[in-house]
Amino acid sequence: MDLIRGLHNLRPEHRGCAVTVGAFDGIHLGHQAVLAHLSSCARERDLLSTAIVFEPLPREYFRPLEAPPRITNFRERLALLASTGIDRVLVLKFNAELRDMSAEDFVSRVFVDGLGAHYIALGDDFRFGNSREGDYDYVRRLAEQFDYEVQPTGTLEIGDARVSSTRIRSALAEGHFTEVQALLGRPFTMTGRVEHGRKLGRELGAPTANIRINRIRSPLSGVFAVRVDGPGLESAAAVANVGTRPTVDDGLKANLEVHLLDRQCDLYGQRLEVRFLHKLREEIKYESLDALKEGIAKDIDNARHWLGQPGHS
């Protein structure tokens, strides 16, 4: 997959394509259907397929602390886009210039002058332009003027409801991982690099890997039974805490901490993938570190039980 960062990096060879645009947070089954449709239409027309995404997401730009938490961070989103077989991804930095761009300017500068789009696929809920007047009908009205074909993308329903990022966020918040997997078409994971932390877990008898999740907010919180993949690890049983560590911190920054069951290895600097399987409990503020230590021991026992992991002999 060819990654293009910004309109200024578009080259003549990028012109003449089939294109779609959206947030694509999560790359769920609905997104996958849109991208498969785009790729199919591109092949039929002897074009390359291009997906346009924004970074940060528009709602993060306007209200970063109130925007919906991301299902996938930027790196995860790109990896998942690549896995769909899309040919190119154009990343547009959402800034003041893009915020102030009219819908007509977006069509002419991005779709026409920038990409030379021959085919455009748009979802019925996508809006663009500084007055949000840009949508499928708007792009269709300009099709003859700019000589492109435009088609709407259908919606995918599972369980009599539309597959959407909003629905997935709600299921994640409730710890409904079976539903999340059905909507994503894969288990929910978080990936990130292990960083040095405060080493408090080691003092409490449960050393943890502190993983940077690269999100303003986390889409889920609590304590979970998980499995971990990474260098030297293959589906390793573990217990994870996602939250703000209210017993020991000020509760402002989301953290992902993972304790491997019966495994001790140096993971600093390694990139890990954490696969969430079952929610054990909500995050609790304990009255003391001793109470926290007891709570951690109970979490480890519960994770062992759920994962079918025997305890120490």
Protein backbone atom coordinates (compact mmCIF):
# COMPACT_ATOMS: atom_id res chain seq x y z
CA MET A 1 0.00 0.00 0.00
CA ASP A 2 1.28 3.44 -0.98
CA LEU A 3 1.01 6.03 1.82
CA ILE A 4 0.72 9.66 0.73
CA ARG A 5 1.01 12.29 3.46
CA GLY A 6 -0.70 15.49 2.36
CA LEU A 7 -1.84 17.05 -0.91
CA HIS A 8 1.65 18.50 -1.44
CA ASN A 9 3.01 14.96 -1.87
CA LEU A 10 0.63 14.02 -4.69
CA ARG A 11 2.45 13.27 -7.93
CA PRO A 12 1.24 12.87 -11.53
CA GLU A 13 1.29 9.08 -11.13
CA HIS A 14 -1.32 9.38 -8.35
CA ARG A 15 -3.89 10.88 -10.71
CA GLY A 16 -6.65 8.82 -12.27
CA CYS A 17 -8.10 6.65 -9.50
CA ALA A 18 -11.18 5.36 -7.71
CA VAL A 19 -11.51 7.10 -4.36
CA THR A 20 -13.47 7.09 -1.13
CA VAL A 21 -13.10 9.20 1.99
CA GLY A 22 -14.02 8.82 5.65
CA ALA A 23 -12.85 8.46 9.23
CA PHE A 24 -12.52 4.67 8.94
CA ASP A 25 -12.09 4.32 12.70
CA GLY A 26 -11.90 0.62 13.50
CA ILE A 27 -11.98 -0.63 9.88
CA HIS A 28 -15.06 -2.64 10.84
CA LEU A 29 -17.02 -4.92 8.51
CA GLY A 30 -18.95 -1.96 7.11
CA HIS A 31 -15.71 -0.20 6.22
CA GLN A 32 -14.31 -3.42 4.78
CA ALA A 33 -17.36 -3.76 2.54
CA VAL A 34 -16.91 -0.17 1.28
CA LEU A 35 -13.22 -0.73 0.54
CA ALA A 36 -13.90 -4.08 -1.16
CA HIS A 37 -16.52 -2.36 -3.32
CA LEU A 38 -14.04 0.40 -4.18
CA SER A 39 -11.29 -2.06 -5.08
CA SER A 40 -13.67 -4.06 -7.28
CA CYS A 41 -14.89 -0.97 -9.12
CA ALA A 42 -11.30 0.23 -9.53
CA ARG A 43 -10.24 -3.06 -11.14
CA GLU A 44 -13.23 -2.99 -13.49
CA ARG A 45 -12.14 0.46 -14.69
CA ASP A 46 -8.41 -0.29 -14.71
CA LEU A 47 -7.81 2.24 -11.91
CA LEU A 48 -5.98 2.19 -8.60
CA SER A 49 -8.04 2.47 -5.41
CA THR A 50 -7.42 5.35 -2.98
CA ALA A 51 -8.83 5.95 0.49
CA ILE A 52 -8.66 9.45 2.01
CA VAL A 53 -8.41 9.70 5.79
CA PHE A 54 -7.89 12.60 8.18
CA GLU A 55 -5.39 12.97 11.00
CA PRO A 56 -6.38 14.02 13.56
CA LEU A 57 -10.01 13.07 13.12
CA PRO A 58 -12.13 16.21 12.65
CA ARG A 59 -13.95 15.85 15.96
CA GLU A 60 -10.60 15.50 17.72
CA TYR A 61 -9.45 18.74 16.11
CA PHE A 62 -12.50 20.70 17.27
CA ARG A 63 -12.98 19.16 20.75
CA PRO A 64 -10.12 16.79 21.60
CA LEU A 65 -11.27 15.91 25.12
CA GLU A 66 -14.92 15.44 24.11
CA ALA A 67 -14.40 13.55 20.84
CA PRO A 68 -15.38 9.86 20.79
CA PRO A 69 -12.45 7.66 21.83
CA ARG A 70 -10.69 5.96 18.95
CA ILE A 71 -11.20 2.27 18.29
CA THR A 72 -7.89 2.24 16.41
CA ASN A 73 -4.98 4.63 16.70
CA PHE A 74 -3.33 6.05 13.58
CA ARG A 75 -0.76 3.27 13.16
CA GLU A 76 -3.37 0.53 13.70
CA ARG A 77 -5.74 2.16 11.22
CA LEU A 78 -3.07 2.26 8.51
CA ALA A 79 -2.12 -1.39 9.10
CA LEU A 80 -5.75 -2.46 8.84
CA LEU A 81 -6.28 -0.39 5.69
CA ALA A 82 -3.25 -2.10 4.15
CA SER A 83 -4.74 -5.50 5.01
CA THR A 84 -7.87 -4.73 2.93
CA GLY A 85 -5.83 -4.60 -0.28
CA ILE A 86 -6.47 -0.91 -0.94
CA ASP A 87 -3.78 0.50 -3.25
CA ARG A 88 -3.21 3.92 -1.71
CA VAL A 89 -4.07 5.95 1.36
CA LEU A 90 -3.97 9.75 1.26
CA VAL A 91 -3.65 11.21 4.76
CA LEU A 92 -4.86 14.79 5.03
CA LYS A 93 -3.80 16.73 8.10
CA PHE A 94 -6.93 18.21 9.60
CA ASN A 95 -5.91 21.77 10.38
CA ALA A 96 -7.26 25.30 10.03
CA GLU A 97 -6.79 25.26 6.25
CA LEU A 98 -8.81 22.08 5.82
CA ARG A 99 -11.39 23.27 8.36
CA ASP A 100 -12.00 26.44 6.33
CA MET A 101 -12.11 24.71 2.93
CA SER A 102 -15.50 24.83 1.25
CA ALA A 103 -17.12 21.70 -0.13
CA GLU A 104 -16.58 22.92 -3.70
CA ASP A 105 -12.90 23.60 -2.99
CA PHE A 106 -12.54 20.13 -1.48
CA VAL A 107 -14.03 18.51 -4.58
CA SER A 108 -11.92 20.58 -6.99
CA ARG A 109 -8.64 20.58 -5.05
CA VAL A 110 -8.69 17.03 -3.64
CA PHE A 111 -10.86 14.85 -5.87
CA VAL A 112 -10.25 16.59 -9.22
CA ASP A 113 -6.97 18.55 -9.27
CA GLY A 114 -5.18 16.42 -6.70
CA LEU A 115 -6.27 12.87 -7.52
CA GLY A 116 -7.89 13.20 -10.93
CA ALA A 117 -10.63 10.91 -9.64
CA HIS A 118 -12.64 8.99 -12.23
CA TYR A 119 -14.82 7.16 -9.69
CA ILE A 120 -15.92 8.38 -6.22
CA ALA A 121 -17.72 6.24 -3.64
CA LEU A 122 -19.29 8.10 -0.71
CA GLY A 123 -21.24 6.98 2.34
CA ASP A 124 -24.65 8.48 3.02
CA ASP A 125 -23.48 9.89 6.38
CA PHE A 126 -20.27 11.56 5.22
CA ARG A 127 -20.21 15.38 5.35
CA PHE A 128 -17.43 17.74 4.38
CA GLY A 129 -16.76 21.44 3.78
CA ASN A 130 -16.69 24.37 6.19
CA SER A 131 -20.50 24.53 6.19
CA ARG A 132 -20.86 20.73 6.02
CA GLU A 133 -22.84 21.11 2.81
CA GLY A 134 -20.73 18.49 1.08
CA ASP A 135 -22.36 15.05 0.88
CA TYR A 136 -23.16 12.40 -1.72
CA ASP A 137 -25.85 14.50 -3.42
CA TYR A 138 -23.52 17.50 -3.57
CA VAL A 139 -20.72 15.48 -5.20
CA ARG A 140 -23.20 13.90 -7.63
CA ARG A 141 -24.40 17.34 -8.79
CA LEU A 142 -20.81 18.26 -9.75
CA ALA A 143 -20.13 14.96 -11.55
CA GLU A 144 -20.83 16.21 -15.08
CA GLN A 145 -18.85 19.42 -14.57
CA PHE A 146 -15.76 17.59 -13.33
CA ASP A 147 -16.20 14.42 -15.42
CA TYR A 148 -16.24 11.72 -12.75
CA GLU A 149 -18.62 8.91 -11.80
CA VAL A 150 -20.04 8.84 -8.28
CA GLN A 151 -21.87 6.06 -6.46
CA PRO A 152 -23.22 5.72 -2.91
CA THR A 153 -21.85 3.04 -0.61
CA GLY A 154 -24.38 0.77 1.03
CA THR A 155 -24.71 0.18 4.75
CA LEU A 156 -24.11 -3.19 6.39
CA GLU A 157 -26.43 -4.50 9.08
CA ILE A 158 -25.76 -7.20 11.66
CA GLY A 159 -28.43 -8.13 14.18
CA ASP A 160 -30.97 -5.75 12.60
CA ALA A 161 -28.77 -2.73 13.28
CA ARG A 162 -26.19 -0.86 11.25
CA VAL A 163 -22.53 -1.70 11.74
CA SER A 164 -20.93 1.54 12.91
CA SER A 165 -18.00 2.82 14.94
CA THR A 166 -20.49 4.29 17.44
CA ARG A 167 -22.06 0.86 18.00
CA ILE A 168 -18.63 -0.70 18.48
CA ARG A 169 -17.59 1.96 21.01
CA SER A 170 -20.75 1.27 22.99
CA ALA A 171 -20.07 -2.48 23.00
CA LEU A 172 -16.44 -1.90 24.05
CA ALA A 173 -17.53 0.32 26.92
CA GLU A 174 -19.80 -2.50 28.14
CA GLY A 175 -17.16 -5.20 27.65
CA HIS A 176 -19.26 -7.07 25.08
CA PHE A 177 -16.33 -8.55 23.17
CA THR A 178 -18.33 -11.20 21.31
CA GLU A 179 -20.44 -8.45 19.74
CA VAL A 180 -17.34 -6.35 19.06
CA GLN A 181 -15.67 -9.26 17.24
CA ALA A 182 -18.83 -9.82 15.18
CA LEU A 183 -18.81 -6.15 14.09
CA LEU A 184 -15.08 -5.87 13.47
CA GLY A 185 -14.65 -9.29 11.88
CA ARG A 186 -11.72 -9.87 14.25
CA PRO A 187 -10.99 -9.65 17.99
CA PHE A 188 -10.46 -6.18 19.44
CA THR A 189 -6.80 -5.42 20.02
CA MET A 190 -4.61 -2.55 21.13
CA THR A 191 -1.01 -2.27 20.02
CA GLY A 192 1.82 -0.16 21.33
CA ARG A 193 5.40 0.03 22.50
CA VAL A 194 6.38 -0.92 26.05
CA GLU A 195 7.71 2.03 28.03
CA HIS A 196 9.33 2.43 31.41
CA GLY A 197 6.76 3.10 34.10
CA ARG A 198 6.89 3.73 37.82
CA LYS A 199 7.76 0.07 38.57
CA LEU A 200 4.96 0.00 41.15
CA GLY A 201 3.61 -3.29 39.83
CA ARG A 202 6.89 -4.98 40.65
CA GLU A 203 6.65 -3.73 44.23
CA LEU A 204 3.12 -5.10 44.43
CA GLY A 205 4.21 -8.54 43.23
CA ALA A 206 2.76 -8.17 39.73
CA PRO A 207 5.23 -6.55 37.32
CA THR A 208 3.49 -4.95 34.37
CA ALA A 209 4.37 -3.86 30.86
CA ASN A 210 3.27 -0.25 30.39
CA ILE A 211 2.08 0.23 26.81
CA ARG A 212 1.57 3.55 25.09
CA ILE A 213 -1.85 3.38 23.42
CA ASN A 214 -1.50 6.61 21.38
CA ARG A 215 -5.06 7.76 21.91
CA ILE A 216 -6.43 10.89 23.55
CA ARG A 217 -8.97 8.66 25.30
CA SER A 218 -9.43 4.92 25.58
CA PRO A 219 -12.62 3.29 24.23
CA LEU A 220 -12.73 0.92 27.21
CA SER A 221 -11.66 0.84 30.84
CA GLY A 222 -11.37 -1.73 33.60
CA VAL A 223 -9.55 -4.99 34.17
CA PHE A 224 -9.52 -7.67 31.46
CA ALA A 225 -8.40 -11.20 30.67
CA VAL A 226 -6.25 -10.86 27.56
CA ARG A 227 -3.72 -12.60 25.37
CA VAL A 228 -0.55 -10.91 24.18
CA ASP A 229 1.49 -11.30 21.00
CA GLY A 230 4.93 -9.86 20.36
CA PRO A 231 8.62 -10.78 20.12
CA GLY A 232 9.02 -14.05 22.03
CA LEU A 233 5.31 -14.10 22.89
CA GLU A 234 2.55 -16.01 21.14
CA SER A 235 -0.93 -15.70 22.57
CA ALA A 236 0.54 -15.33 26.08
CA ALA A 237 -2.07 -15.34 28.86
CA ALA A 238 -2.23 -12.07 30.77
CA VAL A 239 -4.37 -9.68 32.79
CA ALA A 240 -4.63 -6.07 31.64
CA ASN A 241 -5.73 -2.84 33.24
CA VAL A 242 -6.95 0.01 31.09
CA GLY A 243 -7.70 3.24 32.84
CA THR A 244 -6.21 6.08 34.80
CA ARG A 245 -4.73 4.23 37.80
CA PRO A 246 -6.91 6.16 40.31
CA THR A 247 -5.24 4.66 43.39
CA VAL A 248 -1.76 5.92 42.51
CA ASP A 249 -2.23 8.69 39.91
CA ASP A 250 -4.25 11.86 39.44
CA GLY A 251 -6.61 10.04 37.09
CA LEU A 252 -6.04 12.20 34.01
CA LYS A 253 -4.10 10.00 31.57
CA ALA A 254 -5.26 6.67 30.20
CA ASN A 255 -2.84 3.77 30.59
CA LEU A 256 -2.63 0.17 29.38
CA GLU A 257 -0.76 -2.12 31.75
CA VAL A 258 -0.34 -5.84 31.13
CA HIS A 259 0.82 -8.50 33.59
CA LEU A 260 1.86 -11.76 31.94
CA LEU A 261 0.78 -14.88 33.81
CA ASP A 262 3.80 -17.04 34.76
CA ARG A 263 6.11 -15.24 32.34
CA GLN A 264 8.94 -12.83 33.09
CA CYS A 265 10.86 -11.25 30.23
CA ASP A 266 12.36 -7.91 29.29
CA LEU A 267 9.80 -6.22 27.06
CA TYR A 268 11.02 -2.63 27.15
CA GLY A 269 10.94 -1.06 23.70
CA GLN A 270 9.03 -4.02 22.20
CA ARG A 271 5.78 -3.51 20.30
CA LEU A 272 3.01 -5.72 21.67
CA GLU A 273 -0.49 -6.55 20.53
CA VAL A 274 -3.02 -7.07 23.33
CA ARG A 275 -6.15 -9.08 22.43
CA PHE A 276 -9.09 -8.35 24.74
CA LEU A 277 -11.25 -11.36 25.56
CA HIS A 278 -13.22 -10.80 28.77
CA LYS A 279 -13.93 -7.95 31.16
CA LEU A 280 -13.25 -8.95 34.76
CA ARG A 281 -14.35 -5.77 36.52
CA GLU A 282 -14.51 -1.99 36.41
CA GLU A 283 -11.61 0.11 37.60
CA ILE A 284 -11.64 0.70 41.37
CA LYS A 285 -9.94 3.28 43.56
CA TYR A 286 -8.56 1.29 46.50
CA GLU A 287 -8.10 2.89 49.90
CA SER A 288 -4.49 1.75 50.25
CA LEU A 289 -1.67 0.04 48.40
CA ASP A 290 -2.23 -3.08 50.52
CA ALA A 291 -5.85 -3.22 49.36
CA LEU A 292 -4.65 -2.67 45.79
CA LYS A 293 -2.20 -5.57 46.15
CA GLU A 294 -5.02 -7.86 47.32
CA GLY A 295 -7.20 -6.69 44.43
CA ILE A 296 -4.47 -7.41 41.89
CA ALA A 297 -3.98 -10.93 43.28
CA LYS A 298 -7.72 -11.56 42.91
CA ASP A 299 -7.68 -10.19 39.35
CA ILE A 300 -4.84 -12.57 38.46
CA ASP A 301 -6.76 -15.54 39.88
CA ASN A 302 -9.90 -14.55 37.98
CA ALA A 303 -7.95 -14.12 34.74
CA ARG A 304 -6.36 -17.56 35.19
CA HIS A 305 -9.77 -19.09 35.70
CA TRP A 306 -11.29 -17.43 32.64
CA LEU A 307 -8.32 -18.18 30.38
CA GLY A 308 -8.03 -21.76 31.62
CA GLN A 309 -4.52 -21.06 32.86
CA PRO A 310 -3.42 -23.27 35.76
CA GLY A 311 -1.91 -21.61 38.82
CA HIS A 312 1.49 -22.21 40.32
CA SER A 313 2.03 -25.75 41.55
